[in-house]
Amino acid sequence: MYIVAIGWLYVVVLMALAETNLVAGAMTLLFYGVLPVGLLLWINGSKVRRKRRLLADQRARDGNRGDPEPDQ
């Protein structure tokens, strides 16, 4: 998934560099690049966040018996 985001940001940076003025380039970078990629990565990361929250809830219920941290 990250390779798609990196490729898209590369294309958007080139689009922003081709704009006629600085403001248009900044808006292109923001609205075509940063915001959509940020939203995409946030949505795709929801499964990981949910698992972490459930694991933390389970540890709180179990009283955190000194179990070692799982590798990530």
Protein backbone atom coordinates (compact mmCIF):
# COMPACT_ATOMS: atom_id res chain seq x y z
CA MET A 1 0.00 0.00 0.00
CA TYR A 2 2.84 2.36 0.78
CA ILE A 3 4.33 1.94 -2.69
CA VAL A 4 1.06 3.20 -4.21
CA ALA A 5 1.09 6.23 -1.91
CA ILE A 6 4.73 6.99 -2.73
CA GLY A 7 4.07 6.68 -6.46
CA TRP A 8 1.03 8.93 -6.26
CA LEU A 9 2.91 11.56 -4.28
CA TYR A 10 5.69 11.47 -6.89
CA VAL A 11 3.18 12.18 -9.64
CA VAL A 12 1.54 14.96 -7.64
CA VAL A 13 4.88 16.63 -6.89
CA LEU A 14 5.65 16.66 -10.61
CA MET A 15 2.19 18.11 -11.29
CA ALA A 16 2.77 20.80 -8.66
CA LEU A 17 6.14 21.70 -10.16
CA ALA A 18 4.50 22.13 -13.57
CA GLU A 19 2.00 24.71 -12.27
CA THR A 20 2.43 28.30 -13.39
CA ASN A 21 2.69 29.92 -9.95
CA LEU A 22 3.53 28.98 -6.39
CA VAL A 23 -0.01 29.17 -4.99
CA ALA A 24 -1.41 26.86 -7.68
CA GLY A 25 1.43 24.42 -7.06
CA ALA A 26 0.84 24.44 -3.32
CA MET A 27 -2.89 23.87 -3.77
CA THR A 28 -2.24 21.04 -6.22
CA LEU A 29 0.15 19.42 -3.77
CA LEU A 30 -2.29 19.82 -0.88
CA PHE A 31 -5.57 18.84 -2.55
CA TYR A 32 -4.28 16.15 -4.95
CA GLY A 33 -1.49 14.78 -2.78
CA VAL A 34 -1.37 15.29 0.95
CA LEU A 35 -5.07 15.14 1.83
CA PRO A 36 -6.06 12.10 -0.29
CA VAL A 37 -2.96 10.09 0.68
CA GLY A 38 -3.44 10.96 4.34
CA LEU A 39 -7.07 9.86 4.18
CA LEU A 40 -6.13 6.64 2.38
CA LEU A 41 -3.46 5.73 4.94
CA TRP A 42 -5.75 6.63 7.85
CA ILE A 43 -8.56 4.41 6.52
CA ASN A 44 -6.19 1.52 5.84
CA GLY A 45 -4.69 1.82 9.31
CA SER A 46 -8.04 1.45 11.08
CA LYS A 47 -7.70 -2.33 11.34
CA VAL A 48 -4.35 -1.99 13.13
CA ARG A 49 -5.72 0.65 15.49
CA ARG A 50 -8.71 -1.56 16.30
CA LYS A 51 -6.43 -4.53 17.10
CA ARG A 52 -4.24 -2.39 19.36
CA ARG A 53 -7.28 -1.05 21.21
CA LEU A 54 -8.70 -4.56 21.74
CA LEU A 55 -5.33 -5.80 22.97
CA ALA A 56 -5.07 -2.90 25.43
CA ASP A 57 -8.61 -3.59 26.67
CA GLN A 58 -7.78 -7.26 27.13
CA ARG A 59 -4.63 -6.40 29.09
CA ALA A 60 -6.61 -4.03 31.32
CA ARG A 61 -9.19 -6.74 32.00
CA ASP A 62 -6.56 -9.36 32.77
CA GLY A 63 -4.83 -7.05 35.20
CA ASN A 64 -1.65 -6.87 33.15
CA ARG A 65 -0.14 -10.00 34.70
CA GLY A 66 3.37 -9.18 33.55
CA ASP A 67 3.05 -10.76 30.13
CA PRO A 68 5.79 -9.63 27.75
CA GLU A 69 4.99 -7.16 24.99
CA PRO A 70 4.17 -8.81 21.64
CA ASP A 71 6.49 -8.09 18.74
CA GLN A 72 5.07 -5.69 16.20
